């Protein structure tokens, strides 16, 4: 098999939190589509319809990124590769500005001090983030991971190195409701996944991750028009798909639980969480990530 490989190197800030990145990509301990080690991870992805393996190895002040593709490409866009790596590692997130503004905050300041440098890990594509958000609606993380694993294995697309690749919209649109039910999706989630996959193929839903400045509001409105997708799914997709830090994740149970711990108040509801997060716009989703990380 003819293959091709591309590399780049990215500088890392001194307070870069490697453990956050490795934890995100090591959620599924079965190592079906990702494998994580002490200072690097590898992930099976689809690179322009071809199986590929993305590997990122971390050194003290930089990251080495390599993309191995199961095909000899006639053309390759290094800017797209470079931008994907920056986005996945959270290096385009305005963490320092956020921390400078709120490090003295009466409630959030102590959390920032403990978790300085926290960034939100991002998926390889916005489509992958969307499918994960739909999968995780109203079920536990462990249950969502099991369904995700079965879905990836059902498609069965593997890189030559052994890792399975997360399916793209074309692969999922070829499935039936019955196929998706068999791997654990509910009827409604199965229909939503087929709908978004078909809309991506028909260019009715634009989820490209190559935008320098993604049209967040346009994407938001497109997603909200799809049955089975609500505000939490949209905001989570925008966070994990683009690194957009201003989604209000007040509907997230773990966010509310973290806020209850932070404020020492066991009676905080969804609306109160929304109102509290509004104080931190345009970094509401980053604050939510700090609350997640408390657990």
C-alpha atoms as a PDB file:
ATOM      1  CA  UNK A   1       0.000   0.000   0.000  1.00  0.00           C
ATOM      2  CA  UNK A   2       1.309   3.453  -0.897  1.00  0.00           C
ATOM      3  CA  UNK A   3       1.203   5.916   1.987  1.00  0.00           C
ATOM      4  CA  UNK A   4       2.213   9.497   2.692  1.00  0.00           C
ATOM      5  CA  UNK A   5       3.230  11.296   5.859  1.00  0.00           C
ATOM      6  CA  UNK A   6       3.306  14.961   6.866  1.00  0.00           C
ATOM      7  CA  UNK A   7       4.728  16.619   9.956  1.00  0.00           C
ATOM      8  CA  UNK A   8       4.661  19.953  11.714  1.00  0.00           C
ATOM      9  CA  UNK A   9       5.758  21.317  15.094  1.00  0.00           C
ATOM     10  CA  UNK A  10       3.805  23.691  17.326  1.00  0.00           C
ATOM     11  CA  UNK A  11       5.124  25.673  20.314  1.00  0.00           C
ATOM     12  CA  UNK A  12       3.327  25.125  23.629  1.00  0.00           C
ATOM     13  CA  UNK A  13       2.905  27.637  26.464  1.00  0.00           C
ATOM     14  CA  UNK A  14       4.768  26.889  29.687  1.00  0.00           C
ATOM     15  CA  UNK A  15       1.551  26.130  31.571  1.00  0.00           C
ATOM     16  CA  UNK A  16       0.138  23.796  28.902  1.00  0.00           C
ATOM     17  CA  UNK A  17      -1.982  21.110  30.586  1.00  0.00           C
ATOM     18  CA  UNK A  18      -1.081  17.917  28.760  1.00  0.00           C
ATOM     19  CA  UNK A  19      -3.219  15.784  31.062  1.00  0.00           C
ATOM     20  CA  UNK A  20      -6.436  17.468  29.826  1.00  0.00           C
ATOM     21  CA  UNK A  21      -5.675  16.590  26.200  1.00  0.00           C
ATOM     22  CA  UNK A  22      -4.653  13.016  26.960  1.00  0.00           C
ATOM     23  CA  UNK A  23      -7.705  12.460  29.172  1.00  0.00           C
ATOM     24  CA  UNK A  24     -10.048  13.634  26.420  1.00  0.00           C
ATOM     25  CA  UNK A  25      -8.563  11.331  23.798  1.00  0.00           C
ATOM     26  CA  UNK A  26      -8.209   8.485  26.275  1.00  0.00           C
ATOM     27  CA  UNK A  27     -11.864   8.367  27.313  1.00  0.00           C
ATOM     28  CA  UNK A  28     -12.427   4.984  25.690  1.00  0.00           C
ATOM     29  CA  UNK A  29     -10.057   2.547  27.378  1.00  0.00           C
ATOM     30  CA  UNK A  30     -10.571  -0.016  24.625  1.00  0.00           C
ATOM     31  CA  UNK A  31      -8.247   1.954  22.288  1.00  0.00           C
ATOM     32  CA  UNK A  32     -10.447   1.320  19.269  1.00  0.00           C
ATOM     33  CA  UNK A  33     -10.030   4.687  17.529  1.00  0.00           C
ATOM     34  CA  UNK A  34      -7.542   6.428  19.826  1.00  0.00           C
ATOM     35  CA  UNK A  35      -4.546   5.254  21.803  1.00  0.00           C
ATOM     36  CA  UNK A  36      -2.935   7.319  24.565  1.00  0.00           C
ATOM     37  CA  UNK A  37       0.490   7.003  26.174  1.00  0.00           C
ATOM     38  CA  UNK A  38       2.489   9.054  28.673  1.00  0.00           C
ATOM     39  CA  UNK A  39       3.315  11.908  26.329  1.00  0.00           C
ATOM     40  CA  UNK A  40       1.492  11.283  23.057  1.00  0.00           C
ATOM     41  CA  UNK A  41      -1.723  10.083  21.499  1.00  0.00           C
ATOM     42  CA  UNK A  42      -2.706   8.657  18.124  1.00  0.00           C
ATOM     43  CA  UNK A  43      -6.137   8.879  16.540  1.00  0.00           C
ATOM     44  CA  UNK A  44      -7.702   7.341  13.446  1.00  0.00           C
ATOM     45  CA  UNK A  45      -9.336   9.965  11.244  1.00  0.00           C
ATOM     46  CA  UNK A  46     -10.637  10.356   7.704  1.00  0.00           C
ATOM     47  CA  UNK A  47      -8.496  12.755   5.692  1.00  0.00           C
ATOM     48  CA  UNK A  48     -10.402  13.705   2.542  1.00  0.00           C
ATOM     49  CA  UNK A  49     -12.094  10.279   2.291  1.00  0.00           C
ATOM     50  CA  UNK A  50      -8.916   8.310   3.105  1.00  0.00           C
ATOM     51  CA  UNK A  51      -8.030   6.533   6.371  1.00  0.00           C
ATOM     52  CA  UNK A  52      -5.269   8.331   8.238  1.00  0.00           C
ATOM     53  CA  UNK A  53      -3.571   8.253  11.612  1.00  0.00           C
ATOM     54  CA  UNK A  54      -2.914  11.493  13.453  1.00  0.00           C
ATOM     55  CA  UNK A  55      -0.185  11.293  16.101  1.00  0.00           C
ATOM     56  CA  UNK A  56       0.740  14.107  18.473  1.00  0.00           C
ATOM     57  CA  UNK A  57       3.791  13.742  20.703  1.00  0.00           C
ATOM     58  CA  UNK A  58       4.373  16.295  23.447  1.00  0.00           C
ATOM     59  CA  UNK A  59       7.720  17.697  24.495  1.00  0.00           C
ATOM     60  CA  UNK A  60       8.161  20.260  27.324  1.00  0.00           C
ATOM     61  CA  UNK A  61       7.622  23.329  25.120  1.00  0.00           C
ATOM     62  CA  UNK A  62       6.379  22.000  21.797  1.00  0.00           C
ATOM     63  CA  UNK A  63       4.267  19.323  20.142  1.00  0.00           C
ATOM     64  CA  UNK A  64       5.304  17.163  17.199  1.00  0.00           C
ATOM     65  CA  UNK A  65       2.382  16.340  14.921  1.00  0.00           C
ATOM     66  CA  UNK A  66       2.405  13.669  12.232  1.00  0.00           C
ATOM     67  CA  UNK A  67      -0.326  12.634   9.806  1.00  0.00           C
ATOM     68  CA  UNK A  68       0.087   9.260   8.075  1.00  0.00           C
ATOM     69  CA  UNK A  69      -2.353   8.761   5.199  1.00  0.00           C
ATOM     70  CA  UNK A  70      -3.079   5.437   3.488  1.00  0.00           C
ATOM     71  CA  UNK A  71      -2.642   6.975   0.059  1.00  0.00           C
ATOM     72  CA  UNK A  72      -0.175   8.984  -1.980  1.00  0.00           C
ATOM     73  CA  UNK A  73      -1.782  12.396  -2.352  1.00  0.00           C
ATOM     74  CA  UNK A  74      -1.371  14.520  -5.463  1.00  0.00           C
ATOM     75  CA  UNK A  75      -1.873  17.667  -3.409  1.00  0.00           C
ATOM     76  CA  UNK A  76      -1.720  18.410   0.290  1.00  0.00           C
ATOM     77  CA  UNK A  77      -2.681  21.612   2.086  1.00  0.00           C
ATOM     78  CA  UNK A  78      -0.282  22.139   5.009  1.00  0.00           C
ATOM     79  CA  UNK A  79      -2.371  25.072   6.275  1.00  0.00           C
ATOM     80  CA  UNK A  80      -5.388  22.800   6.778  1.00  0.00           C
ATOM     81  CA  UNK A  81      -3.242  20.260   8.625  1.00  0.00           C
ATOM     82  CA  UNK A  82      -1.624  22.963  10.745  1.00  0.00           C
ATOM     83  CA  UNK A  83      -4.966  24.589  11.595  1.00  0.00           C
ATOM     84  CA  UNK A  84      -6.482  21.248  12.631  1.00  0.00           C
ATOM     85  CA  UNK A  85      -3.619  20.619  15.057  1.00  0.00           C
ATOM     86  CA  UNK A  86      -3.848  24.121  16.557  1.00  0.00           C
ATOM     87  CA  UNK A  87      -7.609  23.756  17.022  1.00  0.00           C
ATOM     88  CA  UNK A  88      -7.417  20.250  18.521  1.00  0.00           C
ATOM     89  CA  UNK A  89      -4.804  21.339  21.070  1.00  0.00           C
ATOM     90  CA  UNK A  90      -6.756  24.455  22.030  1.00  0.00           C
ATOM     91  CA  UNK A  91      -3.870  26.720  21.098  1.00  0.00           C
ATOM     92  CA  UNK A  92      -6.178  29.296  19.503  1.00  0.00           C
ATOM     93  CA  UNK A  93      -8.229  29.729  22.692  1.00  0.00           C
ATOM     94  CA  UNK A  94      -7.922  33.057  24.501  1.00  0.00           C
ATOM     95  CA  UNK A  95      -7.067  31.466  27.837  1.00  0.00           C
ATOM     96  CA  UNK A  96      -4.631  34.140  29.018  1.00  0.00           C
ATOM     97  CA  UNK A  97      -7.092  36.968  28.394  1.00  0.00           C
ATOM     98  CA  UNK A  98      -9.799  35.105  30.288  1.00  0.00           C
ATOM     99  CA  UNK A  99      -7.532  34.364  33.258  1.00  0.00           C
ATOM    100  CA  UNK A 100      -6.204  37.932  33.440  1.00  0.00           C
ATOM    101  CA  UNK A 101      -9.761  39.260  33.607  1.00  0.00           C
ATOM    102  CA  UNK A 102     -11.160  36.862  36.206  1.00  0.00           C
ATOM    103  CA  UNK A 103      -8.251  35.674  38.341  1.00  0.00           C
ATOM    104  CA  UNK A 104      -9.398  38.058  41.119  1.00  0.00           C
ATOM    105  CA  UNK A 105     -13.052  37.087  40.829  1.00  0.00           C
ATOM    106  CA  UNK A 106     -14.529  36.276  44.244  1.00  0.00           C
ATOM    107  CA  UNK A 107     -15.932  32.912  43.175  1.00  0.00           C
ATOM    108  CA  UNK A 108     -14.011  31.874  40.072  1.00  0.00           C
ATOM    109  CA  UNK A 109     -10.599  33.215  41.036  1.00  0.00           C
ATOM    110  CA  UNK A 110      -9.641  30.305  43.278  1.00  0.00           C
ATOM    111  CA  UNK A 111     -10.666  27.828  40.578  1.00  0.00           C
ATOM    112  CA  UNK A 112      -8.556  29.608  37.960  1.00  0.00           C
ATOM    113  CA  UNK A 113      -5.587  29.578  40.335  1.00  0.00           C
ATOM    114  CA  UNK A 114      -5.883  25.800  40.737  1.00  0.00           C
ATOM    115  CA  UNK A 115      -6.499  25.131  37.030  1.00  0.00           C
ATOM    116  CA  UNK A 116      -4.449  27.828  35.324  1.00  0.00           C
ATOM    117  CA  UNK A 117      -3.875  27.142  31.650  1.00  0.00           C
ATOM    118  CA  UNK A 118      -6.961  24.961  31.218  1.00  0.00           C
ATOM    119  CA  UNK A 119      -7.945  24.646  27.564  1.00  0.00           C
ATOM    120  CA  UNK A 120     -10.768  22.700  25.948  1.00  0.00           C
ATOM    121  CA  UNK A 121      -9.622  19.775  23.778  1.00  0.00           C
ATOM    122  CA  UNK A 122     -11.319  19.800  20.374  1.00  0.00           C
ATOM    123  CA  UNK A 123     -12.330  16.950  18.053  1.00  0.00           C
ATOM    124  CA  UNK A 124     -10.632  16.404  14.707  1.00  0.00           C
ATOM    125  CA  UNK A 125     -13.761  17.627  12.890  1.00  0.00           C
ATOM    126  CA  UNK A 126     -16.936  19.469  13.796  1.00  0.00           C
ATOM    127  CA  UNK A 127     -18.928  16.530  12.405  1.00  0.00           C
ATOM    128  CA  UNK A 128     -17.284  14.159  14.876  1.00  0.00           C
ATOM    129  CA  UNK A 129     -18.113  16.609  17.672  1.00  0.00           C
ATOM    130  CA  UNK A 130     -21.747  16.767  16.554  1.00  0.00           C
ATOM    131  CA  UNK A 131     -22.143  12.985  16.467  1.00  0.00           C
ATOM    132  CA  UNK A 132     -20.608  12.725  19.935  1.00  0.00           C
ATOM    133  CA  UNK A 133     -22.953  15.440  21.248  1.00  0.00           C
ATOM    134  CA  UNK A 134     -26.009  13.638  19.854  1.00  0.00           C
ATOM    135  CA  UNK A 135     -24.768  10.327  21.223  1.00  0.00           C
ATOM    136  CA  UNK A 136     -24.264  11.766  24.703  1.00  0.00           C
ATOM    137  CA  UNK A 137     -27.683  13.364  25.074  1.00  0.00           C
ATOM    138  CA  UNK A 138     -29.195  12.408  28.453  1.00  0.00           C
ATOM    139  CA  UNK A 139     -27.043   9.312  29.017  1.00  0.00           C
ATOM    140  CA  UNK A 140     -23.879   8.663  31.002  1.00  0.00           C
ATOM    141  CA  UNK A 141     -20.432   9.146  29.501  1.00  0.00           C
ATOM    142  CA  UNK A 142     -19.699   5.420  29.822  1.00  0.00           C
ATOM    143  CA  UNK A 143     -22.889   4.516  27.937  1.00  0.00           C
ATOM    144  CA  UNK A 144     -22.112   7.086  25.224  1.00  0.00           C
ATOM    145  CA  UNK A 145     -18.570   5.736  24.844  1.00  0.00           C
ATOM    146  CA  UNK A 146     -19.876   2.197  24.398  1.00  0.00           C
ATOM    147  CA  UNK A 147     -22.278   3.324  21.656  1.00  0.00           C
ATOM    148  CA  UNK A 148     -19.555   5.385  19.966  1.00  0.00           C
ATOM    149  CA  UNK A 149     -17.202   2.402  19.977  1.00  0.00           C
ATOM    150  CA  UNK A 150     -19.815   0.083  18.468  1.00  0.00           C
ATOM    151  CA  UNK A 151     -20.658   2.658  15.792  1.00  0.00           C
ATOM    152  CA  UNK A 152     -17.005   3.058  14.766  1.00  0.00           C
ATOM    153  CA  UNK A 153     -16.557  -0.711  14.649  1.00  0.00           C
ATOM    154  CA  UNK A 154     -19.773  -1.140  12.656  1.00  0.00           C
ATOM    155  CA  UNK A 155     -18.415   1.123   9.919  1.00  0.00           C
ATOM    156  CA  UNK A 156     -15.155  -0.818  10.167  1.00  0.00           C
ATOM    157  CA  UNK A 157     -12.854   1.647   8.437  1.00  0.00           C
ATOM    158  CA  UNK A 158      -9.289   1.169   9.700  1.00  0.00           C
ATOM    159  CA  UNK A 159      -5.967   2.803   9.091  1.00  0.00           C
ATOM    160  CA  UNK A 160      -3.133   0.481   8.099  1.00  0.00           C
ATOM    161  CA  UNK A 161      -1.618   1.054  11.540  1.00  0.00           C
ATOM    162  CA  UNK A 162      -4.626  -0.649  13.145  1.00  0.00           C
ATOM    163  CA  UNK A 163      -6.741   2.176  14.566  1.00  0.00           C
ATOM    164  CA  UNK A 164     -10.342   2.495  13.478  1.00  0.00           C
ATOM    165  CA  UNK A 165     -11.347   5.841  11.981  1.00  0.00           C
ATOM    166  CA  UNK A 166     -14.322   7.896  13.079  1.00  0.00           C
ATOM    167  CA  UNK A 167     -16.859   7.778  10.207  1.00  0.00           C
ATOM    168  CA  UNK A 168     -17.732  10.811   8.140  1.00  0.00           C
ATOM    169  CA  UNK A 169     -21.170  11.898   6.939  1.00  0.00           C
ATOM    170  CA  UNK A 170     -21.113   9.654   3.859  1.00  0.00           C
ATOM    171  CA  UNK A 171     -20.398   6.552   5.915  1.00  0.00           C
ATOM    172  CA  UNK A 172     -23.206   7.264   8.379  1.00  0.00           C
ATOM    173  CA  UNK A 173     -25.731   8.184   5.700  1.00  0.00           C
ATOM    174  CA  UNK A 174     -25.308   4.692   4.253  1.00  0.00           C
ATOM    175  CA  UNK A 175     -26.642   3.148   7.468  1.00  0.00           C
ATOM    176  CA  UNK A 176     -30.254   2.432   8.310  1.00  0.00           C
ATOM    177  CA  UNK A 177     -32.266   3.212  11.410  1.00  0.00           C
ATOM    178  CA  UNK A 178     -32.020  -0.482  12.248  1.00  0.00           C
ATOM    179  CA  UNK A 179     -28.213  -0.418  11.996  1.00  0.00           C
ATOM    180  CA  UNK A 180     -28.026   2.489  14.406  1.00  0.00           C
ATOM    181  CA  UNK A 181     -30.524   0.925  16.807  1.00  0.00           C
ATOM    182  CA  UNK A 182     -28.416  -2.226  16.954  1.00  0.00           C
ATOM    183  CA  UNK A 183     -25.385  -0.323  18.259  1.00  0.00           C
ATOM    184  CA  UNK A 184     -27.457   1.330  20.970  1.00  0.00           C
ATOM    185  CA  UNK A 185     -29.000   4.522  19.598  1.00  0.00           C
ATOM    186  CA  UNK A 186     -32.613   5.321  20.367  1.00  0.00           C
ATOM    187  CA  UNK A 187     -35.028   5.703  17.476  1.00  0.00           C
ATOM    188  CA  UNK A 188     -34.965   9.497  17.735  1.00  0.00           C
ATOM    189  CA  UNK A 189     -31.171   9.756  17.965  1.00  0.00           C
ATOM    190  CA  UNK A 190     -30.778   7.383  15.019  1.00  0.00           C
ATOM    191  CA  UNK A 191     -33.057   9.564  12.921  1.00  0.00           C
ATOM    192  CA  UNK A 192     -31.189  12.723  13.960  1.00  0.00           C
ATOM    193  CA  UNK A 193     -27.839  11.195  12.990  1.00  0.00           C
ATOM    194  CA  UNK A 194     -29.143  10.174   9.569  1.00  0.00           C
ATOM    195  CA  UNK A 195     -30.666  13.625   9.071  1.00  0.00           C
ATOM    196  CA  UNK A 196     -27.473  15.549   9.899  1.00  0.00           C
ATOM    197  CA  UNK A 197     -25.373  13.162   7.787  1.00  0.00           C
ATOM    198  CA  UNK A 198     -27.607  13.584   4.775  1.00  0.00           C
ATOM    199  CA  UNK A 199     -27.712  17.364   5.198  1.00  0.00           C
ATOM    200  CA  UNK A 200     -23.906  17.545   5.336  1.00  0.00           C
ATOM    201  CA  UNK A 201     -23.658  15.539   2.113  1.00  0.00           C
ATOM    202  CA  UNK A 202     -26.193  17.800   0.401  1.00  0.00           C
ATOM    203  CA  UNK A 203     -24.422  20.936   1.685  1.00  0.00           C
ATOM    204  CA  UNK A 204     -27.549  21.941   3.588  1.00  0.00           C
ATOM    205  CA  UNK A 205     -25.517  21.796   6.805  1.00  0.00           C
ATOM    206  CA  UNK A 206     -22.078  23.398   6.581  1.00  0.00           C
ATOM    207  CA  UNK A 207     -19.741  22.043   9.232  1.00  0.00           C
ATOM    208  CA  UNK A 208     -16.372  22.618   7.628  1.00  0.00           C
ATOM    209  CA  UNK A 209     -13.540  22.919  10.134  1.00  0.00           C
ATOM    210  CA  UNK A 210     -11.303  24.803   7.704  1.00  0.00           C
ATOM    211  CA  UNK A 211     -12.756  28.247   8.429  1.00  0.00           C
ATOM    212  CA  UNK A 212     -10.284  30.719   9.892  1.00  0.00           C
ATOM    213  CA  UNK A 213     -13.304  32.343  11.544  1.00  0.00           C
ATOM    214  CA  UNK A 214     -16.214  29.861  11.566  1.00  0.00           C
ATOM    215  CA  UNK A 215     -19.668  31.418  11.078  1.00  0.00           C
ATOM    216  CA  UNK A 216     -20.822  30.387  14.529  1.00  0.00           C
ATOM    217  CA  UNK A 217     -24.260  32.008  14.481  1.00  0.00           C
ATOM    218  CA  UNK A 218     -25.042  30.596  11.030  1.00  0.00           C
ATOM    219  CA  UNK A 219     -24.044  27.094  12.143  1.00  0.00           C
ATOM    220  CA  UNK A 220     -26.054  27.510  15.335  1.00  0.00           C
ATOM    221  CA  UNK A 221     -29.217  28.421  13.447  1.00  0.00           C
ATOM    222  CA  UNK A 222     -28.768  25.528  11.011  1.00  0.00           C
ATOM    223  CA  UNK A 223     -28.424  23.036  13.842  1.00  0.00           C
ATOM    224  CA  UNK A 224     -31.347  24.369  15.864  1.00  0.00           C
ATOM    225  CA  UNK A 225     -33.667  23.727  12.910  1.00  0.00           C
ATOM    226  CA  UNK A 226     -32.957  19.986  13.042  1.00  0.00           C
ATOM    227  CA  UNK A 227     -35.330  17.863  15.066  1.00  0.00           C
ATOM    228  CA  UNK A 228     -33.551  16.220  17.968  1.00  0.00           C
ATOM    229  CA  UNK A 229     -30.985  18.995  18.415  1.00  0.00           C
ATOM    230  CA  UNK A 230     -31.406  21.545  21.184  1.00  0.00           C
ATOM    231  CA  UNK A 231     -29.304  24.320  22.716  1.00  0.00           C
ATOM    232  CA  UNK A 232     -27.057  22.000  24.766  1.00  0.00           C
ATOM    233  CA  UNK A 233     -26.201  19.858  21.731  1.00  0.00           C
ATOM    234  CA  UNK A 234     -25.469  22.980  19.670  1.00  0.00           C
ATOM    235  CA  UNK A 235     -23.260  24.631  22.273  1.00  0.00           C
ATOM    236  CA  UNK A 236     -21.376  21.416  22.986  1.00  0.00           C
ATOM    237  CA  UNK A 237     -20.822  20.834  19.266  1.00  0.00           C
ATOM    238  CA  UNK A 238     -19.505  24.356  18.775  1.00  0.00           C
ATOM    239  CA  UNK A 239     -17.185  23.936  21.753  1.00  0.00           C
ATOM    240  CA  UNK A 240     -15.774  20.532  20.787  1.00  0.00           C
ATOM    241  CA  UNK A 241     -15.929  21.172  17.048  1.00  0.00           C
ATOM    242  CA  UNK A 242     -14.478  24.678  16.800  1.00  0.00           C
ATOM    243  CA  UNK A 243     -13.209  25.593  20.247  1.00  0.00           C
ATOM    244  CA  UNK A 244     -15.922  28.271  20.544  1.00  0.00           C
ATOM    245  CA  UNK A 245     -15.816  29.387  24.161  1.00  0.00           C
ATOM    246  CA  UNK A 246     -19.084  31.282  24.634  1.00  0.00           C
ATOM    247  CA  UNK A 247     -21.704  28.556  24.575  1.00  0.00           C
ATOM    248  CA  UNK A 248     -23.915  28.539  27.670  1.00  0.00           C
ATOM    249  CA  UNK A 249     -23.818  24.951  28.885  1.00  0.00           C
ATOM    250  CA  UNK A 250     -26.237  25.599  31.743  1.00  0.00           C
ATOM    251  CA  UNK A 251     -28.225  22.515  30.749  1.00  0.00           C
ATOM    252  CA  UNK A 252     -25.251  20.259  31.482  1.00  0.00           C
ATOM    253  CA  UNK A 253     -25.700  18.256  34.689  1.00  0.00           C
ATOM    254  CA  UNK A 254     -21.959  18.167  35.405  1.00  0.00           C
ATOM    255  CA  UNK A 255     -21.723  21.956  35.011  1.00  0.00           C
ATOM    256  CA  UNK A 256     -24.513  22.484  37.532  1.00  0.00           C
ATOM    257  CA  UNK A 257     -22.950  19.977  39.894  1.00  0.00           C
ATOM    258  CA  UNK A 258     -19.599  21.770  39.659  1.00  0.00           C
ATOM    259  CA  UNK A 259     -21.260  25.123  40.305  1.00  0.00           C
ATOM    260  CA  UNK A 260     -23.037  23.724  43.352  1.00  0.00           C
ATOM    261  CA  UNK A 261     -19.665  22.634  44.728  1.00  0.00           C
ATOM    262  CA  UNK A 262     -18.031  25.969  43.913  1.00  0.00           C
ATOM    263  CA  UNK A 263     -20.797  28.011  45.533  1.00  0.00           C
ATOM    264  CA  UNK A 264     -21.493  25.477  48.290  1.00  0.00           C
ATOM    265  CA  UNK A 265     -25.147  25.509  47.304  1.00  0.00           C
ATOM    266  CA  UNK A 266     -27.024  22.291  46.557  1.00  0.00           C
ATOM    267  CA  UNK A 267     -30.166  23.940  45.188  1.00  0.00           C
ATOM    268  CA  UNK A 268     -28.893  25.631  42.006  1.00  0.00           C
ATOM    269  CA  UNK A 269     -31.180  24.944  39.054  1.00  0.00           C
ATOM    270  CA  UNK A 270     -30.685  25.257  35.312  1.00  0.00           C
ATOM    271  CA  UNK A 271     -31.947  28.834  35.062  1.00  0.00           C
ATOM    272  CA  UNK A 272     -29.757  30.002  37.951  1.00  0.00           C
ATOM    273  CA  UNK A 273     -26.765  28.352  36.289  1.00  0.00           C
ATOM    274  CA  UNK A 274     -27.543  30.172  33.030  1.00  0.00           C
ATOM    275  CA  UNK A 275     -27.741  33.506  34.845  1.00  0.00           C
ATOM    276  CA  UNK A 276     -24.447  32.887  36.679  1.00  0.00           C
ATOM    277  CA  UNK A 277     -22.622  31.926  33.481  1.00  0.00           C
ATOM    278  CA  UNK A 278     -23.830  35.095  31.731  1.00  0.00           C
ATOM    279  CA  UNK A 279     -21.391  37.055  33.901  1.00  0.00           C
ATOM    280  CA  UNK A 280     -18.491  35.462  32.033  1.00  0.00           C
ATOM    281  CA  UNK A 281     -19.437  35.968  28.385  1.00  0.00           C
ATOM    282  CA  UNK A 282     -17.642  35.503  25.958  1.00  0.00           C
ATOM    283  CA  UNK A 283     -15.988  32.674  27.910  1.00  0.00           C
ATOM    284  CA  UNK A 284     -19.014  30.875  29.318  1.00  0.00           C
ATOM    285  CA  UNK A 285     -18.046  27.497  27.852  1.00  0.00           C
ATOM    286  CA  UNK A 286     -14.511  27.862  29.195  1.00  0.00           C
ATOM    287  CA  UNK A 287     -15.968  28.504  32.641  1.00  0.00           C
ATOM    288  CA  UNK A 288     -18.105  25.377  32.150  1.00  0.00           C
ATOM    289  CA  UNK A 289     -14.924  23.438  31.376  1.00  0.00           C
ATOM    290  CA  UNK A 290     -13.411  24.654  34.636  1.00  0.00           C
ATOM    291  CA  UNK A 291     -16.525  23.410  36.444  1.00  0.00           C
ATOM    292  CA  UNK A 292     -16.306  20.044  34.643  1.00  0.00           C
ATOM    293  CA  UNK A 293     -12.705  19.720  35.669  1.00  0.00           C
ATOM    294  CA  UNK A 294     -13.538  20.081  39.363  1.00  0.00           C
ATOM    295  CA  UNK A 295     -14.716  16.460  39.334  1.00  0.00           C
END
